[in-house]
Amino acid sequence: MMDPQNNISFEVILKEALDKGRYVKVAFFNSYHEFHSVCAVMKHTDSGIALTTGHLIQIDKIVSIDEVSAPNYSHIIDFTCDC
């Protein structure tokens, strides 16, 4: 897992994950806006991003990869639950 403090951009991490088939921690919203966090290999498809877990997601629904926030979600600090 990459260190989120080392200033690597989300776009670079996304490209590396797709090009190199790295195992990454992906946080995302599904089509029902349910939050998920999984460790998987990502693959680009015609309809979005396929994860080895079986999830198919859109790039704009990815919250973070290896703890590096996507630009659309950088304003949200904490996705944990205090349940």
Protein backbone atom coordinates (compact mmCIF):
# COMPACT_ATOMS: atom_id res chain seq x y z
CA MET A 1 0.00 0.00 0.00
CA MET A 2 1.29 3.45 -0.85
CA ASP A 3 1.88 6.12 1.77
CA PRO A 4 -0.83 8.79 1.31
CA GLN A 5 1.53 11.42 2.69
CA ASN A 6 4.02 11.19 -0.17
CA ASN A 7 1.99 13.48 -2.48
CA ILE A 8 1.44 11.00 -5.30
CA SER A 9 -1.64 12.15 -7.19
CA PHE A 10 -4.78 10.10 -7.44
CA GLU A 11 -4.49 10.03 -11.23
CA VAL A 12 -1.00 8.50 -11.04
CA ILE A 13 -2.12 5.83 -8.59
CA LEU A 14 -5.19 5.02 -10.71
CA LYS A 15 -3.10 4.72 -13.88
CA GLU A 16 -0.51 2.51 -12.17
CA ALA A 17 -3.18 0.28 -10.66
CA LEU A 18 -4.81 -0.20 -14.07
CA ASP A 19 -1.60 -0.52 -16.12
CA LYS A 20 0.40 -2.71 -13.76
CA GLY A 21 -2.36 -4.84 -12.26
CA ARG A 22 -1.34 -3.95 -8.71
CA TYR A 23 -3.31 -5.20 -5.72
CA VAL A 24 -4.79 -2.03 -4.14
CA LYS A 25 -7.25 -0.96 -1.46
CA VAL A 26 -10.18 0.66 -3.26
CA ALA A 27 -12.93 2.66 -1.55
CA PHE A 28 -15.96 3.43 -3.70
CA PHE A 29 -19.71 4.01 -3.89
CA ASN A 30 -21.82 1.49 -5.77
CA SER A 31 -24.83 2.34 -7.93
CA TYR A 32 -27.02 2.51 -4.76
CA HIS A 33 -24.55 4.98 -3.18
CA GLU A 34 -23.46 2.36 -0.65
CA PHE A 35 -19.87 2.78 0.52
CA HIS A 36 -17.50 -0.17 0.01
CA SER A 37 -13.83 -0.71 0.72
CA VAL A 38 -12.09 -3.76 -0.76
CA CYS A 39 -8.62 -4.96 -1.66
CA ALA A 40 -8.48 -6.06 -5.28
CA VAL A 41 -6.80 -5.82 -8.66
CA MET A 42 -8.39 -3.26 -11.00
CA LYS A 43 -8.96 -3.66 -14.72
CA HIS A 44 -10.33 -1.07 -17.18
CA THR A 45 -13.35 -2.21 -19.21
CA ASP A 46 -15.65 -0.53 -21.74
CA SER A 47 -18.23 0.08 -19.03
CA GLY A 48 -15.99 1.19 -16.16
CA ILE A 49 -13.55 -0.43 -13.78
CA ALA A 50 -13.77 -4.13 -12.97
CA LEU A 51 -12.39 -5.39 -9.67
CA THR A 52 -11.29 -8.96 -9.03
CA THR A 53 -13.94 -9.04 -6.28
CA GLY A 54 -16.60 -8.91 -9.02
CA HIS A 55 -17.57 -5.28 -8.50
CA LEU A 56 -17.99 -3.08 -11.57
CA ILE A 57 -17.64 0.61 -10.77
CA GLN A 58 -17.42 3.96 -12.53
CA ILE A 59 -14.23 5.99 -12.15
CA ASP A 60 -16.17 8.96 -10.74
CA LYS A 61 -17.48 6.73 -7.91
CA ILE A 62 -13.98 5.84 -6.64
CA VAL A 63 -13.39 7.58 -3.31
CA SER A 64 -9.77 6.53 -2.80
CA ILE A 65 -7.07 4.11 -3.88
CA ASP A 66 -4.51 3.09 -1.28
CA GLU A 67 -5.78 5.89 1.00
CA VAL A 68 -5.20 8.61 -1.62
CA SER A 69 -8.46 10.50 -2.14
CA ALA A 70 -9.98 11.11 -5.54
CA PRO A 71 -10.40 14.81 -6.39
CA ASN A 72 -14.21 14.51 -6.13
CA TYR A 73 -13.97 13.24 -2.54
CA SER A 74 -10.90 15.05 -1.16
CA HIS A 75 -13.15 17.29 0.97
CA ILE A 76 -14.37 14.31 3.01
CA ILE A 77 -11.92 13.53 5.78
CA ASP A 78 -13.37 10.41 7.40
CA PHE A 79 -15.39 7.54 5.93
CA THR A 80 -15.33 5.45 9.12
CA CYS A 81 -18.42 4.52 11.05
CA ASP A 82 -18.91 5.13 14.76
CA CYS A 83 -21.65 2.50 14.96
